[in-house]
């Protein structure tokens, strides 16, 4: 069991916390995978190293030191499966604003969030240790990139 606090603060990327999305296996071969809620969180290097030292090996991109092309900080993926191993429905993660009110807006990339997580171990032949998504608190919502354009701004 980890002695890490169960809340991490960082920058959110590609948050899918309202509707469960297919995992890699399900995308490649429908019917073979699972559905999940997920959020990628760019954290300070020290936080990433603490997770690594505590034995987390799933959602960590260990072969790349947690680095992803969209951030200059290491990224940890927090996820929650839509069903448990017996096929029972799981409840979606709780999503709230900084005042702990329900939050149902799109979480833009670069938004500052707190993520509450729990330790989850699984795997018969190889032990996986993952930070499982429990809740998200949006502290600062980033502005939407791009936005709408007018017909006069169309480039062709």
C-alpha atoms as a PDB file:
ATOM      1  CA  UNK A   1       0.000   0.000   0.000  1.00  0.00           C
ATOM      2  CA  UNK A   2       1.215   3.471  -0.825  1.00  0.00           C
ATOM      3  CA  UNK A   3       1.652   6.194   1.767  1.00  0.00           C
ATOM      4  CA  UNK A   4       1.129   8.860  -0.940  1.00  0.00           C
ATOM      5  CA  UNK A   5      -1.629  11.391  -0.360  1.00  0.00           C
ATOM      6  CA  UNK A   6      -4.585  10.489  -2.529  1.00  0.00           C
ATOM      7  CA  UNK A   7      -4.911  13.899  -4.224  1.00  0.00           C
ATOM      8  CA  UNK A   8      -2.630  15.173  -6.982  1.00  0.00           C
ATOM      9  CA  UNK A   9      -2.640  18.654  -8.497  1.00  0.00           C
ATOM     10  CA  UNK A  10      -1.584  19.307 -12.072  1.00  0.00           C
ATOM     11  CA  UNK A  11      -2.533  20.306 -15.613  1.00  0.00           C
ATOM     12  CA  UNK A  12      -5.295  18.297 -17.254  1.00  0.00           C
ATOM     13  CA  UNK A  13      -5.009  16.922 -20.797  1.00  0.00           C
ATOM     14  CA  UNK A  14      -7.578  14.965 -22.821  1.00  0.00           C
ATOM     15  CA  UNK A  15     -10.041  14.576 -19.952  1.00  0.00           C
ATOM     16  CA  UNK A  16     -12.762  12.034 -20.663  1.00  0.00           C
ATOM     17  CA  UNK A  17     -14.627  12.051 -17.387  1.00  0.00           C
ATOM     18  CA  UNK A  18     -18.301  12.252 -18.381  1.00  0.00           C
ATOM     19  CA  UNK A  19     -18.742   9.473 -20.953  1.00  0.00           C
ATOM     20  CA  UNK A  20     -16.705   6.282 -20.823  1.00  0.00           C
ATOM     21  CA  UNK A  21     -14.490   5.831 -23.897  1.00  0.00           C
ATOM     22  CA  UNK A  22     -13.057   2.645 -25.426  1.00  0.00           C
ATOM     23  CA  UNK A  23      -9.614   1.544 -24.287  1.00  0.00           C
ATOM     24  CA  UNK A  24      -6.842   0.670 -26.753  1.00  0.00           C
ATOM     25  CA  UNK A  25      -7.939  -2.965 -27.163  1.00  0.00           C
ATOM     26  CA  UNK A  26     -11.557  -2.012 -27.784  1.00  0.00           C
ATOM     27  CA  UNK A  27     -10.531   0.571 -30.395  1.00  0.00           C
ATOM     28  CA  UNK A  28      -8.355  -1.967 -32.227  1.00  0.00           C
ATOM     29  CA  UNK A  29     -10.759  -4.891 -32.098  1.00  0.00           C
ATOM     30  CA  UNK A  30     -14.308  -4.108 -30.932  1.00  0.00           C
ATOM     31  CA  UNK A  31     -15.607  -6.526 -28.349  1.00  0.00           C
ATOM     32  CA  UNK A  32     -12.168  -7.349 -26.905  1.00  0.00           C
ATOM     33  CA  UNK A  33     -11.566  -4.370 -24.636  1.00  0.00           C
ATOM     34  CA  UNK A  34     -13.187  -2.232 -21.993  1.00  0.00           C
ATOM     35  CA  UNK A  35     -14.600   1.260 -21.604  1.00  0.00           C
ATOM     36  CA  UNK A  36     -13.125   3.757 -19.197  1.00  0.00           C
ATOM     37  CA  UNK A  37     -13.074   7.308 -17.901  1.00  0.00           C
ATOM     38  CA  UNK A  38      -9.639   8.900 -17.929  1.00  0.00           C
ATOM     39  CA  UNK A  39      -7.673  12.059 -17.373  1.00  0.00           C
ATOM     40  CA  UNK A  40      -4.016  12.738 -18.143  1.00  0.00           C
ATOM     41  CA  UNK A  41      -2.372  15.000 -15.589  1.00  0.00           C
ATOM     42  CA  UNK A  42       0.977  16.733 -16.071  1.00  0.00           C
ATOM     43  CA  UNK A  43       2.663  16.852 -12.676  1.00  0.00           C
ATOM     44  CA  UNK A  44       5.880  18.187 -11.235  1.00  0.00           C
ATOM     45  CA  UNK A  45       8.843  15.821 -11.790  1.00  0.00           C
ATOM     46  CA  UNK A  46       9.124  15.167  -8.043  1.00  0.00           C
ATOM     47  CA  UNK A  47       5.511  13.964  -7.913  1.00  0.00           C
ATOM     48  CA  UNK A  48       6.074  11.616 -10.856  1.00  0.00           C
ATOM     49  CA  UNK A  49       9.208  10.216  -9.176  1.00  0.00           C
ATOM     50  CA  UNK A  50       7.288   9.633  -5.933  1.00  0.00           C
ATOM     51  CA  UNK A  51       4.673   7.579  -7.812  1.00  0.00           C
ATOM     52  CA  UNK A  52       7.418   5.649  -9.601  1.00  0.00           C
ATOM     53  CA  UNK A  53       9.292   4.975  -6.351  1.00  0.00           C
ATOM     54  CA  UNK A  54       6.045   3.767  -4.746  1.00  0.00           C
ATOM     55  CA  UNK A  55       5.812   1.038  -7.413  1.00  0.00           C
ATOM     56  CA  UNK A  56       3.200   2.468  -9.782  1.00  0.00           C
ATOM     57  CA  UNK A  57       3.759   0.978 -13.236  1.00  0.00           C
ATOM     58  CA  UNK A  58       0.450   1.457 -15.094  1.00  0.00           C
ATOM     59  CA  UNK A  59      -0.514   4.858 -16.466  1.00  0.00           C
ATOM     60  CA  UNK A  60       3.039   6.073 -15.968  1.00  0.00           C
ATOM     61  CA  UNK A  61       4.739   5.702 -19.405  1.00  0.00           C
ATOM     62  CA  UNK A  62       7.841   4.445 -17.618  1.00  0.00           C
ATOM     63  CA  UNK A  63       9.716   3.880 -20.895  1.00  0.00           C
ATOM     64  CA  UNK A  64       9.465   7.629 -21.619  1.00  0.00           C
ATOM     65  CA  UNK A  65       9.863   8.960 -18.101  1.00  0.00           C
ATOM     66  CA  UNK A  66       6.239  10.042 -18.223  1.00  0.00           C
ATOM     67  CA  UNK A  67       6.925  12.518 -21.000  1.00  0.00           C
ATOM     68  CA  UNK A  68       4.330  13.260 -23.676  1.00  0.00           C
ATOM     69  CA  UNK A  69       4.570  15.604 -26.655  1.00  0.00           C
ATOM     70  CA  UNK A  70       1.864  17.913 -25.294  1.00  0.00           C
ATOM     71  CA  UNK A  71       3.591  18.788 -22.003  1.00  0.00           C
ATOM     72  CA  UNK A  72       7.037  19.659 -20.704  1.00  0.00           C
ATOM     73  CA  UNK A  73       6.192  17.867 -17.440  1.00  0.00           C
ATOM     74  CA  UNK A  74       5.742  14.141 -16.824  1.00  0.00           C
ATOM     75  CA  UNK A  75       2.190  12.875 -17.272  1.00  0.00           C
ATOM     76  CA  UNK A  76       0.278  10.338 -15.203  1.00  0.00           C
ATOM     77  CA  UNK A  77      -2.935   8.805 -16.574  1.00  0.00           C
ATOM     78  CA  UNK A  78      -5.661   8.269 -13.994  1.00  0.00           C
ATOM     79  CA  UNK A  79      -8.487   6.012 -15.161  1.00  0.00           C
ATOM     80  CA  UNK A  80     -11.518   4.148 -13.963  1.00  0.00           C
ATOM     81  CA  UNK A  81     -13.107   1.279 -15.842  1.00  0.00           C
ATOM     82  CA  UNK A  82     -16.821   1.558 -16.637  1.00  0.00           C
ATOM     83  CA  UNK A  83     -17.350  -2.020 -15.424  1.00  0.00           C
ATOM     84  CA  UNK A  84     -15.604  -4.125 -12.813  1.00  0.00           C
ATOM     85  CA  UNK A  85     -13.983  -7.493 -13.528  1.00  0.00           C
ATOM     86  CA  UNK A  86     -17.371  -9.219 -13.047  1.00  0.00           C
ATOM     87  CA  UNK A  87     -19.104  -6.927 -15.559  1.00  0.00           C
ATOM     88  CA  UNK A  88     -20.956  -4.815 -12.989  1.00  0.00           C
ATOM     89  CA  UNK A  89     -21.371  -1.123 -13.827  1.00  0.00           C
ATOM     90  CA  UNK A  90     -19.070   1.293 -11.988  1.00  0.00           C
ATOM     91  CA  UNK A  91     -20.198   4.820 -11.211  1.00  0.00           C
ATOM     92  CA  UNK A  92     -18.443   7.609 -13.135  1.00  0.00           C
ATOM     93  CA  UNK A  93     -15.890   9.786 -11.361  1.00  0.00           C
ATOM     94  CA  UNK A  94     -17.214  12.774  -9.440  1.00  0.00           C
ATOM     95  CA  UNK A  95     -16.422  16.085 -11.151  1.00  0.00           C
ATOM     96  CA  UNK A  96     -16.699  19.385  -9.277  1.00  0.00           C
ATOM     97  CA  UNK A  97     -15.529  22.975  -9.405  1.00  0.00           C
ATOM     98  CA  UNK A  98     -13.239  24.728  -6.923  1.00  0.00           C
ATOM     99  CA  UNK A  99     -16.239  25.394  -4.636  1.00  0.00           C
ATOM    100  CA  UNK A 100     -17.249  21.705  -4.698  1.00  0.00           C
ATOM    101  CA  UNK A 101     -20.299  22.311  -6.907  1.00  0.00           C
ATOM    102  CA  UNK A 102     -21.114  19.839  -9.684  1.00  0.00           C
ATOM    103  CA  UNK A 103     -19.130  20.655 -12.825  1.00  0.00           C
ATOM    104  CA  UNK A 104     -20.337  19.460 -16.220  1.00  0.00           C
ATOM    105  CA  UNK A 105     -18.412  21.646 -18.665  1.00  0.00           C
ATOM    106  CA  UNK A 106     -15.647  20.433 -20.939  1.00  0.00           C
ATOM    107  CA  UNK A 107     -12.313  20.385 -19.119  1.00  0.00           C
ATOM    108  CA  UNK A 108      -9.966  22.114 -21.550  1.00  0.00           C
ATOM    109  CA  UNK A 109      -6.351  21.040 -21.977  1.00  0.00           C
ATOM    110  CA  UNK A 110      -4.122  22.976 -19.599  1.00  0.00           C
ATOM    111  CA  UNK A 111      -6.822  23.380 -16.927  1.00  0.00           C
ATOM    112  CA  UNK A 112      -5.528  23.116 -13.365  1.00  0.00           C
ATOM    113  CA  UNK A 113      -7.150  20.226 -11.509  1.00  0.00           C
ATOM    114  CA  UNK A 114      -6.988  18.196  -8.359  1.00  0.00           C
ATOM    115  CA  UNK A 115      -7.404  14.471  -8.952  1.00  0.00           C
ATOM    116  CA  UNK A 116      -8.439  12.181  -6.154  1.00  0.00           C
ATOM    117  CA  UNK A 117      -7.261   8.620  -6.719  1.00  0.00           C
ATOM    118  CA  UNK A 118      -6.985   5.252  -5.045  1.00  0.00           C
ATOM    119  CA  UNK A 119      -4.374   2.540  -5.408  1.00  0.00           C
ATOM    120  CA  UNK A 120      -5.431  -0.403  -7.566  1.00  0.00           C
ATOM    121  CA  UNK A 121      -3.433  -3.602  -8.134  1.00  0.00           C
ATOM    122  CA  UNK A 122      -4.345  -6.165 -10.769  1.00  0.00           C
ATOM    123  CA  UNK A 123      -2.890  -8.826 -13.033  1.00  0.00           C
ATOM    124  CA  UNK A 124      -2.327 -12.524 -12.463  1.00  0.00           C
ATOM    125  CA  UNK A 125       0.971 -13.038 -14.304  1.00  0.00           C
ATOM    126  CA  UNK A 126       2.333  -9.485 -14.069  1.00  0.00           C
ATOM    127  CA  UNK A 127       1.373  -7.226 -11.194  1.00  0.00           C
ATOM    128  CA  UNK A 128       0.098  -3.840 -12.365  1.00  0.00           C
ATOM    129  CA  UNK A 129      -0.137  -0.948  -9.914  1.00  0.00           C
ATOM    130  CA  UNK A 130      -2.292   1.943 -11.085  1.00  0.00           C
ATOM    131  CA  UNK A 131      -3.644   5.178  -9.626  1.00  0.00           C
ATOM    132  CA  UNK A 132      -7.408   4.692 -10.101  1.00  0.00           C
ATOM    133  CA  UNK A 133      -9.504   7.799 -10.802  1.00  0.00           C
ATOM    134  CA  UNK A 134     -12.028   8.692  -8.089  1.00  0.00           C
ATOM    135  CA  UNK A 135     -12.840  12.394  -8.534  1.00  0.00           C
ATOM    136  CA  UNK A 136     -11.737  15.555 -10.350  1.00  0.00           C
ATOM    137  CA  UNK A 137     -11.873  19.099  -9.016  1.00  0.00           C
ATOM    138  CA  UNK A 138     -11.421  21.840 -11.623  1.00  0.00           C
ATOM    139  CA  UNK A 139      -9.502  24.671  -9.961  1.00  0.00           C
ATOM    140  CA  UNK A 140      -8.766  26.853 -13.017  1.00  0.00           C
ATOM    141  CA  UNK A 141     -10.482  26.235 -16.339  1.00  0.00           C
ATOM    142  CA  UNK A 142      -8.220  26.996 -19.298  1.00  0.00           C
ATOM    143  CA  UNK A 143      -9.664  28.883 -22.234  1.00  0.00           C
ATOM    144  CA  UNK A 144     -10.677  26.855 -25.241  1.00  0.00           C
ATOM    145  CA  UNK A 145      -7.972  26.834 -27.893  1.00  0.00           C
ATOM    146  CA  UNK A 146      -8.920  28.182 -31.298  1.00  0.00           C
ATOM    147  CA  UNK A 147     -12.590  28.890 -31.069  1.00  0.00           C
ATOM    148  CA  UNK A 148     -15.080  29.835 -33.719  1.00  0.00           C
ATOM    149  CA  UNK A 149     -14.154  31.871 -36.767  1.00  0.00           C
ATOM    150  CA  UNK A 150     -16.240  34.060 -39.021  1.00  0.00           C
ATOM    151  CA  UNK A 151     -16.747  33.402 -42.754  1.00  0.00           C
ATOM    152  CA  UNK A 152     -14.364  36.305 -43.436  1.00  0.00           C
ATOM    153  CA  UNK A 153     -11.590  34.511 -41.495  1.00  0.00           C
ATOM    154  CA  UNK A 154     -11.777  31.322 -43.542  1.00  0.00           C
ATOM    155  CA  UNK A 155      -8.418  30.832 -45.291  1.00  0.00           C
ATOM    156  CA  UNK A 156      -9.732  29.704 -48.686  1.00  0.00           C
END
